[in-house]
N, C-alpha and C. Protein backbone atom coordinates (compact mmCIF):
# COMPACT_ATOMS: atom_id res chain seq x y z
N UNK A 1 27.33 -6.95 -14.28
CA UNK A 1 26.72 -8.25 -13.00
C UNK A 1 26.75 -9.91 -13.13
N UNK A 2 27.47 -10.47 -11.98
CA UNK A 2 27.23 -11.82 -12.25
C UNK A 2 26.25 -12.05 -11.52
N UNK A 3 25.87 -13.49 -12.36
CA UNK A 3 24.45 -14.09 -11.96
C UNK A 3 24.00 -14.17 -10.64
N UNK A 4 24.66 -14.18 -9.83
CA UNK A 4 24.42 -13.70 -8.15
C UNK A 4 23.79 -12.82 -7.66
N UNK A 5 24.18 -11.76 -8.53
CA UNK A 5 24.13 -10.75 -8.21
C UNK A 5 22.54 -10.60 -8.78
N UNK A 6 22.57 -10.97 -9.80
CA UNK A 6 21.00 -11.14 -11.05
C UNK A 6 20.19 -11.86 -9.97
N UNK A 7 20.57 -12.82 -9.51
CA UNK A 7 19.67 -13.57 -8.73
C UNK A 7 19.35 -12.85 -7.52
N UNK A 8 20.22 -12.72 -6.56
CA UNK A 8 20.02 -11.89 -5.69
C UNK A 8 18.62 -10.56 -5.78
N UNK A 9 19.00 -9.91 -6.84
CA UNK A 9 18.41 -9.18 -7.00
C UNK A 9 16.74 -9.34 -7.55
N UNK A 10 17.10 -10.22 -7.75
CA UNK A 10 15.29 -11.04 -8.60
C UNK A 10 15.02 -11.58 -7.28
N UNK A 11 15.69 -12.05 -6.42
CA UNK A 11 14.97 -11.99 -5.01
C UNK A 11 14.43 -11.24 -3.95
N UNK A 12 15.15 -9.59 -4.40
CA UNK A 12 14.72 -8.53 -3.39
C UNK A 12 13.84 -8.12 -3.96
N UNK A 13 13.33 -8.39 -5.66
CA UNK A 13 12.38 -7.88 -5.68
C UNK A 13 10.78 -9.14 -5.30
N UNK A 14 11.36 -9.84 -5.36
CA UNK A 14 10.05 -11.32 -5.55
C UNK A 14 9.92 -10.94 -3.70
N UNK A 15 10.82 -11.16 -3.01
CA UNK A 15 10.15 -10.22 -1.68
C UNK A 15 9.86 -9.28 -1.46
N UNK A 16 10.29 -7.70 -2.10
CA UNK A 16 9.63 -6.71 -1.94
C UNK A 16 7.94 -6.60 -2.29
N UNK A 17 7.77 -7.72 -3.18
CA UNK A 17 6.27 -7.91 -3.38
C UNK A 17 5.43 -8.63 -3.30
N UNK A 18 6.41 -9.41 -1.87
CA UNK A 18 5.38 -10.41 -1.68
C UNK A 18 5.08 -9.80 -0.36
N UNK A 19 3.25 -10.09 -0.07
CA UNK A 19 2.30 -9.31 1.28
C UNK A 19 3.25 -9.60 2.17
N UNK A 20 3.41 -8.49 3.34
CA UNK A 20 3.93 -8.82 4.60
C UNK A 20 5.34 -8.81 4.41
N UNK A 21 5.68 -9.27 3.78
CA UNK A 21 7.51 -9.59 3.55
C UNK A 21 8.02 -7.78 2.87
N UNK A 22 7.64 -6.94 3.32
CA UNK A 22 7.76 -5.26 3.02
C UNK A 22 8.90 -5.24 2.32
N UNK A 23 9.23 -4.38 1.60
CA UNK A 23 10.33 -3.71 0.76
C UNK A 23 11.44 -3.12 1.68
N UNK A 24 10.71 -2.81 2.61
CA UNK A 24 11.90 -1.72 3.98
C UNK A 24 12.47 -3.11 4.54
N UNK A 25 12.44 -4.70 4.46
CA UNK A 25 13.10 -5.19 5.44
C UNK A 25 13.68 -6.20 4.67
N UNK A 26 13.29 -6.33 3.18
CA UNK A 26 14.35 -7.25 2.09
C UNK A 26 15.57 -5.72 1.52
N UNK A 27 15.27 -4.70 1.94
CA UNK A 27 16.67 -4.01 1.17
C UNK A 27 17.69 -3.85 2.13
N UNK A 28 17.30 -4.24 3.52
CA UNK A 28 18.80 -4.56 4.50
C UNK A 28 19.26 -5.87 4.03
N UNK A 29 17.78 -6.68 4.20
CA UNK A 29 18.57 -8.46 3.99
C UNK A 29 19.87 -8.12 2.76
N UNK A 30 19.13 -7.87 1.57
CA UNK A 30 20.07 -7.46 0.34
C UNK A 30 21.31 -6.41 0.40
N UNK A 31 21.24 -5.70 0.94
CA UNK A 31 22.72 -5.13 1.62
C UNK A 31 23.29 -5.53 2.27
N UNK A 32 22.83 -6.40 3.24
CA UNK A 32 23.65 -7.36 4.39
C UNK A 32 24.44 -8.65 3.66
N UNK A 33 23.56 -9.01 2.13
CA UNK A 33 24.08 -10.15 2.05
C UNK A 33 24.81 -9.61 0.91
N UNK A 34 25.20 -7.87 0.53
CA UNK A 34 26.51 -7.72 -0.40
C UNK A 34 25.82 -7.39 -1.48
N UNK A 35 24.99 -7.36 -1.94
CA UNK A 35 24.46 -6.45 -2.94
C UNK A 35 24.54 -5.07 -3.24
N UNK A 36 24.66 -4.33 -4.49
CA UNK A 36 24.71 -2.95 -4.32
C UNK A 36 23.52 -2.81 -3.78
N UNK A 37 24.07 -0.97 -3.23
CA UNK A 37 22.60 -0.48 -2.45
C UNK A 37 21.10 0.00 -3.66
N UNK A 38 21.79 0.73 -4.59
CA UNK A 38 20.83 1.09 -5.32
C UNK A 38 20.13 0.35 -6.18
N UNK A 39 21.04 -0.79 -7.06
CA UNK A 39 20.00 -1.90 -7.54
C UNK A 39 18.28 -2.71 -6.32
N UNK A 40 19.82 -2.20 -5.16
CA UNK A 40 18.87 -4.10 -4.46
C UNK A 40 17.34 -2.75 -3.81
N UNK A 41 17.76 -1.26 -3.89
CA UNK A 41 16.58 -0.19 -3.24
C UNK A 41 15.68 -0.44 -4.38
N UNK A 42 16.14 -0.23 -6.11
CA UNK A 42 15.18 -0.23 -7.02
C UNK A 42 14.47 -1.31 -7.18
N UNK A 43 15.43 -2.59 -6.95
CA UNK A 43 13.80 -3.76 -6.89
C UNK A 43 13.35 -4.18 -5.93
N UNK A 44 13.64 -3.69 -4.70
CA UNK A 44 12.61 -4.07 -3.69
C UNK A 44 11.43 -3.22 -3.67
N UNK A 45 12.04 -1.85 -4.31
CA UNK A 45 10.86 -0.51 -4.52
C UNK A 45 10.09 -0.87 -5.29
N UNK A 46 10.53 -1.45 -6.59
CA UNK A 46 9.64 -1.76 -7.23
C UNK A 46 8.70 -2.60 -7.69
N UNK A 47 9.30 -4.11 -6.84
CA UNK A 47 8.47 -5.06 -6.42
C UNK A 47 6.88 -4.85 -5.59
N UNK A 48 7.84 -3.92 -4.55
CA UNK A 48 6.18 -3.40 -3.75
C UNK A 48 5.39 -2.55 -4.15
N UNK A 49 6.03 -1.59 -5.10
CA UNK A 49 4.81 -0.77 -5.76
C UNK A 49 4.17 -1.34 -6.67
N UNK A 50 4.62 -2.37 -7.48
CA UNK A 50 3.74 -3.22 -8.51
C UNK A 50 2.37 -3.87 -8.27
N UNK A 51 2.63 -4.44 -7.15
CA UNK A 51 1.60 -5.32 -5.51
C UNK A 51 1.05 -3.83 -4.74
N UNK A 52 1.27 -2.97 -4.96
CA UNK A 52 0.26 -1.59 -3.97
C UNK A 52 -0.76 -1.12 -5.12
N UNK A 53 -0.28 -0.99 -6.76
CA UNK A 53 -1.05 -1.03 -7.45
C UNK A 53 -1.83 -1.47 -7.80
N UNK A 54 -1.93 -2.89 -8.17
CA UNK A 54 -2.47 -4.34 -8.19
C UNK A 54 -3.19 -3.96 -6.84
N UNK A 55 -3.01 -3.93 -5.92
CA UNK A 55 -4.24 -3.94 -4.48
C UNK A 55 -4.63 -2.46 -4.66
N UNK A 56 -4.54 -1.44 -4.75
CA UNK A 56 -5.43 -0.71 -5.27
C UNK A 56 -6.55 -0.71 -6.04
N UNK A 57 -6.37 -1.14 -7.58
CA UNK A 57 -7.14 -0.64 -8.61
C UNK A 57 -7.96 -2.25 -8.67
N UNK A 58 -7.48 -2.73 -7.84
CA UNK A 58 -8.36 -4.29 -7.61
C UNK A 58 -9.43 -4.20 -7.22
N UNK A 59 -8.70 -3.37 -5.74
CA UNK A 59 -10.26 -2.94 -4.86
C UNK A 59 -10.85 -2.53 -5.34
N UNK A 60 -10.70 -1.12 -5.68
CA UNK A 60 -11.75 0.24 -6.54
C UNK A 60 -12.42 -1.29 -7.79
N UNK A 61 -11.97 -1.78 -8.24
CA UNK A 61 -12.92 -2.44 -9.32
C UNK A 61 -14.13 -3.24 -8.00
N UNK A 62 -13.25 -3.67 -7.66
CA UNK A 62 -14.14 -4.53 -6.34
C UNK A 62 -15.46 -3.99 -6.25
N UNK A 63 -14.89 -2.76 -5.19
CA UNK A 63 -15.79 -2.04 -4.32
C UNK A 63 -16.60 -1.26 -5.65
N UNK A 64 -16.33 -1.41 -7.39
CA UNK A 64 -17.23 -0.90 -7.60
C UNK A 64 -18.40 -1.01 -7.85
N UNK A 65 -18.23 -2.82 -8.23
CA UNK A 65 -19.19 -3.98 -8.35
C UNK A 65 -19.86 -4.15 -7.36
N UNK A 66 -19.20 -4.93 -6.36
CA UNK A 66 -20.39 -4.46 -4.91
C UNK A 66 -21.05 -3.14 -4.70
N UNK A 67 -20.78 -2.26 -4.74
CA UNK A 67 -21.71 -1.18 -4.56
C UNK A 67 -22.98 -1.28 -5.25
N UNK A 68 -22.40 -1.48 -7.10
CA UNK A 68 -23.81 -1.56 -7.65
C UNK A 68 -24.37 -3.20 -7.89
N UNK A 69 -23.88 -4.05 -7.18
CA UNK A 69 -24.77 -5.51 -6.71
C UNK A 69 -25.78 -4.46 -5.93
N UNK A 70 -25.41 -3.95 -4.90
CA UNK A 70 -25.74 -3.44 -3.64
C UNK A 70 -27.47 -2.86 -4.22
N UNK A 71 -26.93 -1.46 -4.79
CA UNK A 71 -28.28 -0.76 -5.27
C UNK A 71 -29.06 -2.08 -6.40
N UNK A 72 -28.53 -2.47 -6.95
CA UNK A 72 -29.33 -3.29 -8.28
C UNK A 72 -30.35 -4.54 -7.14
N UNK A 73 -29.26 -5.27 -5.87
CA UNK A 73 -30.51 -6.08 -4.77
C UNK A 73 -31.34 -5.22 -4.39
N UNK A 74 -31.19 -3.91 -3.89
CA UNK A 74 -31.95 -3.09 -4.03
C UNK A 74 -33.29 -2.51 -4.00
N UNK A 75 -33.07 -1.92 -5.62
CA UNK A 75 -33.97 -1.99 -5.93
C UNK A 75 -34.88 -3.41 -6.39
N UNK A 76 -34.41 -4.85 -6.69
CA UNK A 76 -35.00 -5.60 -6.98
C UNK A 76 -36.09 -5.67 -5.41
N UNK A 77 -35.86 -5.29 -4.67
CA UNK A 77 -36.32 -5.89 -3.38
C UNK A 77 -37.72 -4.66 -3.74
N UNK A 78 -37.85 -3.76 -4.47
CA UNK A 78 -38.84 -3.30 -4.34
C UNK A 78 -39.08 -1.94 -3.18
N UNK A 79 -37.62 -1.55 -2.55
CA UNK A 79 -37.77 -0.71 -0.68
C UNK A 79 -38.35 0.47 -1.40
N UNK A 80 -39.36 1.04 -0.52
CA UNK A 80 -40.11 2.22 -0.19
C UNK A 80 -39.16 3.70 -0.45
N UNK A 81 -39.38 4.61 -0.56
CA UNK A 81 -38.98 5.69 -0.88
C UNK A 81 -38.57 6.34 0.82
N UNK A 82 -39.67 5.91 1.45
CA UNK A 82 -39.04 5.71 3.04
C UNK A 82 -38.00 5.12 3.50
N UNK A 83 -37.69 3.94 2.87
CA UNK A 83 -36.59 2.81 3.61
C UNK A 83 -35.11 3.49 2.70
N UNK A 84 -35.58 3.51 0.82
CA UNK A 84 -34.38 4.42 0.44
C UNK A 84 -33.92 5.89 1.20
N UNK A 85 -34.45 6.77 1.28
CA UNK A 85 -34.48 7.63 2.28
C UNK A 85 -33.63 7.72 4.07
N UNK A 86 -33.75 6.21 4.14
CA UNK A 86 -33.19 6.11 5.56
C UNK A 86 -31.78 5.74 5.27
N UNK A 87 -31.78 4.69 4.27
CA UNK A 87 -30.19 4.42 4.04
C UNK A 87 -29.41 5.40 3.59
N UNK A 88 -30.26 5.73 2.93
CA UNK A 88 -29.27 7.11 2.08
C UNK A 88 -29.01 8.37 3.37
N UNK A 89 -29.31 8.31 3.99
CA UNK A 89 -28.75 8.77 5.74
C UNK A 89 -27.99 8.63 5.92
N UNK A 90 -28.34 7.37 6.14
CA UNK A 90 -26.83 6.59 7.36
C UNK A 90 -25.59 6.36 5.97
N UNK A 91 -25.84 6.35 4.92
CA UNK A 91 -24.89 6.24 4.31
C UNK A 91 -23.76 7.60 3.98
N UNK A 92 -25.26 8.62 4.42
CA UNK A 92 -24.69 10.15 4.38
C UNK A 92 -23.64 9.67 5.97
N UNK A 93 -23.63 9.79 6.56
CA UNK A 93 -23.40 10.01 8.14
C UNK A 93 -21.89 8.81 7.91
N UNK A 94 -22.03 7.49 7.07
CA UNK A 94 -21.17 7.06 7.49
C UNK A 94 -20.03 7.93 6.37
N UNK A 95 -20.18 8.31 5.47
CA UNK A 95 -19.86 9.00 4.16
C UNK A 95 -18.88 10.25 5.23
N UNK A 96 -19.89 11.19 5.64
CA UNK A 96 -18.84 12.01 6.51
C UNK A 96 -18.28 11.43 8.07
N UNK A 97 -18.13 10.48 8.78
CA UNK A 97 -17.18 10.43 9.32
C UNK A 97 -16.01 9.91 8.72
N UNK A 98 -16.06 8.94 7.03
CA UNK A 98 -15.07 8.55 6.46
C UNK A 98 -13.94 10.28 6.51
N UNK A 99 -14.90 11.21 6.02
CA UNK A 99 -13.97 12.34 5.75
C UNK A 99 -13.31 13.14 6.73
N UNK A 100 -14.08 13.05 7.97
CA UNK A 100 -13.63 13.58 9.02
C UNK A 100 -12.71 13.05 9.34
N UNK A 101 -12.24 11.96 9.56
CA UNK A 101 -11.07 10.96 9.38
C UNK A 101 -9.88 11.00 8.72
N UNK A 102 -10.12 11.15 7.38
CA UNK A 102 -9.23 11.64 6.64
C UNK A 102 -8.79 12.66 6.24
N UNK A 103 -9.61 13.78 6.88
CA UNK A 103 -8.92 15.19 7.44
C UNK A 103 -8.30 15.34 8.30
N UNK A 104 -8.22 14.76 9.50
CA UNK A 104 -7.26 14.37 10.89
C UNK A 104 -6.14 13.60 10.07
N UNK A 105 -5.48 13.20 8.98
CA UNK A 105 -4.12 12.81 8.73
C UNK A 105 -4.59 11.71 7.41
N UNK A 106 -5.48 11.05 7.56
CA UNK A 106 -6.08 10.47 6.59
C UNK A 106 -5.51 8.97 5.68
N UNK A 107 -5.34 9.54 4.49
CA UNK A 107 -4.42 9.08 3.55
C UNK A 107 -3.20 9.14 3.97
N UNK A 108 -2.32 10.26 3.81
CA UNK A 108 -1.45 10.71 4.01
C UNK A 108 -0.22 10.28 5.50
N UNK A 109 -1.34 9.62 6.64
CA UNK A 109 -0.95 9.00 7.69
C UNK A 109 -1.04 7.63 7.71
N UNK A 110 -1.66 7.26 7.24
CA UNK A 110 -2.17 5.92 6.45
C UNK A 110 -0.83 5.57 5.75
N UNK A 111 -0.39 6.58 4.57
CA UNK A 111 0.66 5.64 3.95
C UNK A 111 2.22 5.74 4.66
N UNK A 112 2.35 7.32 5.60
CA UNK A 112 3.30 6.61 6.23
C UNK A 112 3.70 5.85 7.13
N UNK A 113 2.10 4.99 7.84
CA UNK A 113 2.71 3.72 8.58
C UNK A 113 2.97 2.77 7.30
N UNK A 114 2.20 2.64 6.15
CA UNK A 114 1.74 1.42 5.71
C UNK A 114 2.89 0.42 5.74
N UNK A 115 3.98 0.75 5.16
CA UNK A 115 5.09 -0.10 5.32
C UNK A 115 5.14 -1.22 6.94
N UNK A 116 4.74 -0.21 7.56
CA UNK A 116 4.89 -0.90 8.83
C UNK A 116 3.46 -2.09 9.47
N UNK A 117 2.55 -1.69 8.15
CA UNK A 117 1.14 -2.54 8.68
C UNK A 117 0.94 -3.24 7.49
N UNK A 118 1.36 -3.19 6.25
CA UNK A 118 1.02 -3.74 5.24
C UNK A 118 0.75 -3.26 4.42
N UNK A 119 1.64 -2.18 2.85
CA UNK A 119 1.41 -1.82 2.14
C UNK A 119 0.02 -2.51 1.11
N UNK A 120 -0.56 -3.13 0.86
CA UNK A 120 -1.06 -3.90 0.04
C UNK A 120 -2.61 -3.95 1.30
N UNK A 121 -2.04 -3.98 2.10
CA UNK A 121 -3.46 -4.23 3.17
C UNK A 121 -3.79 -2.89 3.14
N UNK A 122 -2.85 -1.80 3.75
CA UNK A 122 -3.56 -0.17 3.59
C UNK A 122 -4.03 -0.03 1.77
N UNK A 123 -3.40 -0.44 0.94
CA UNK A 123 -4.35 -0.04 0.02
C UNK A 123 -5.51 -1.02 -0.29
N UNK A 124 -5.59 -1.70 0.69
CA UNK A 124 -7.46 -2.40 -0.21
C UNK A 124 -7.97 -1.54 0.87
N UNK A 125 -7.90 -1.59 2.26
CA UNK A 125 -8.39 -0.33 3.95
C UNK A 125 -8.84 0.63 2.80
N UNK A 126 -7.82 1.42 2.16
CA UNK A 126 -7.68 2.70 2.15
C UNK A 126 -8.57 3.21 0.63
N UNK A 127 -9.04 2.32 -0.07
CA UNK A 127 -9.97 1.97 -1.26
C UNK A 127 -11.25 1.62 -0.73
N UNK A 128 -11.85 0.78 0.25
CA UNK A 128 -12.79 0.12 0.91
C UNK A 128 -13.61 1.07 1.63
N UNK A 129 -12.89 2.04 1.75
CA UNK A 129 -13.45 3.33 2.91
C UNK A 129 -13.98 4.53 1.56
N UNK A 130 -13.89 4.24 0.23
CA UNK A 130 -14.09 4.81 -0.41
C UNK A 130 -13.03 6.13 -1.18
N UNK A 131 -11.67 5.98 -0.75
CA UNK A 131 -10.77 6.61 -1.56
C UNK A 131 -10.22 6.05 -3.04
N UNK A 132 -9.92 6.91 -3.75
CA UNK A 132 -10.25 6.42 -5.26
C UNK A 132 -8.76 5.85 -5.08
N UNK A 133 -8.42 4.88 -5.89
CA UNK A 133 -7.65 4.56 -6.38
C UNK A 133 -5.73 4.93 -6.71
N UNK A 134 -6.04 5.93 -7.69
CA UNK A 134 -4.82 6.71 -8.18
C UNK A 134 -4.45 7.48 -6.72
N UNK A 135 -5.13 8.15 -6.42
CA UNK A 135 -4.35 8.91 -5.23
C UNK A 135 -3.85 7.97 -3.99
N UNK A 136 -4.40 6.99 -3.55
CA UNK A 136 -4.26 5.95 -3.01
C UNK A 136 -2.88 5.31 -3.03
N UNK A 137 -2.94 4.73 -4.67
CA UNK A 137 -1.62 4.11 -4.75
C UNK A 137 -0.69 5.06 -5.09
N UNK A 138 -0.48 6.80 -5.21
CA UNK A 138 1.04 7.31 -4.81
C UNK A 138 0.92 7.75 -4.22
N UNK A 139 0.76 7.58 -3.35
CA UNK A 139 0.41 7.61 -1.34
C UNK A 139 0.85 7.11 -0.55
N UNK A 140 0.63 5.53 -1.10
CA UNK A 140 1.61 5.10 -0.37
C UNK A 140 2.90 4.79 -1.37
N UNK A 141 2.38 4.62 -2.38
CA UNK A 141 3.90 4.43 -3.49
C UNK A 141 5.22 5.18 -2.98
N UNK A 142 4.92 6.76 -3.16
CA UNK A 142 5.29 7.86 -2.52
C UNK A 142 6.11 7.23 -1.09
N UNK A 143 4.87 6.86 -0.04
CA UNK A 143 6.20 6.56 1.30
C UNK A 143 6.24 5.56 0.89
N UNK A 144 6.35 4.19 0.22
CA UNK A 144 7.20 3.12 0.42
C UNK A 144 8.04 3.88 -0.30
N UNK A 145 8.63 4.91 -1.11
CA UNK A 145 9.85 4.81 -1.60
C UNK A 145 11.00 5.40 -0.86
N UNK A 146 9.70 6.67 0.31
CA UNK A 146 10.65 7.03 0.82
C UNK A 146 11.58 6.18 2.40
N UNK A 147 10.36 5.15 2.58
CA UNK A 147 10.87 4.55 3.79
C UNK A 147 12.14 3.86 3.05
N UNK A 148 11.98 3.27 1.65
CA UNK A 148 12.72 2.21 0.85
C UNK A 148 14.36 2.75 1.11
N UNK A 149 14.49 3.98 1.14
CA UNK A 149 15.67 5.17 0.96
C UNK A 149 16.30 5.07 2.62
N UNK A 150 15.18 5.36 3.29
CA UNK A 150 15.73 5.80 5.06
C UNK A 150 16.41 4.05 5.37
N UNK A 151 15.76 3.26 4.49
CA UNK A 151 16.33 1.68 4.81
C UNK A 151 17.18 1.35 4.53
N UNK A 152 17.85 1.62 3.26
CA UNK A 152 18.81 0.87 2.58
C UNK A 152 20.09 2.74 3.83
N UNK A 153 19.63 3.60 3.49
CA UNK A 153 20.84 4.72 4.28
C UNK A 153 20.81 3.99 6.03
N UNK A 154 19.89 3.59 6.38
CA UNK A 154 20.00 3.18 7.59
C UNK A 154 21.03 2.12 7.91
N UNK A 155 21.04 0.97 6.73
CA UNK A 155 22.02 -0.42 7.13
C UNK A 155 22.77 0.22 6.44
N UNK A 156 23.77 0.72 5.74
CA UNK A 156 24.42 1.75 5.41
C UNK A 156 25.11 1.98 6.13
N UNK A 157 24.38 3.58 7.02
CA UNK A 157 25.15 3.86 8.15
C UNK A 157 25.51 3.24 9.21
N UNK A 158 24.86 2.03 9.46
CA UNK A 158 25.08 0.62 10.52
C UNK A 158 26.19 -0.37 10.08
N UNK A 159 26.22 -0.17 8.97
CA UNK A 159 27.60 -0.80 8.50
C UNK A 159 28.63 0.25 9.13
N UNK A 160 28.79 1.50 8.32
CA UNK A 160 29.80 2.27 8.14
C UNK A 160 30.22 2.34 10.38
N UNK A 161 28.84 2.83 10.71
CA UNK A 161 29.58 2.84 12.02
C UNK A 161 30.43 1.36 12.74
N UNK A 162 29.87 0.65 12.59
CA UNK A 162 30.83 -0.49 12.74
C UNK A 162 31.96 -1.13 12.05
N UNK A 163 32.33 -0.70 11.62
CA UNK A 163 33.50 -0.93 10.74
C UNK A 163 34.00 0.31 11.07
N UNK A 164 34.32 1.43 11.00
CA UNK A 164 34.82 2.47 11.87
C UNK A 164 35.24 2.24 13.15
N UNK A 165 34.10 1.57 13.72
CA UNK A 165 34.33 1.55 15.48
C UNK A 165 35.98 1.15 15.32
């Protein structure tokens, strides 16, 4: 591999890892720039997947700390049993709403659309509403890989269409 190819793949990796500059956008750019397709897909997807994992697990860590802080603050205020029951019922209602949304397509649908919304944002949003980090990471990463392959195939098919015509 030439030095230019290596630097190009590093650029695709960094572009895939950069939030809002998703792998599905940098992969076609790398292929159009003349880089080999398979290494471009691997570099772009790897960069994107690393930041998805970082966003999901950091989001879950932050959410756990936030929930613990709120419980501690509630206990320090010395809320009575009636107030705690009211807040628990409200939280249960919110949780049921999240479950209904997730049952209608939830994480798989969010994961399918994540490359167009922002994979890192979708990972943080999914964890923020209560989804665990591991299923979030697995779903969004799997859909990212799928969309990376589709982006590479579409770019190569476009090249073939225009060069054969």
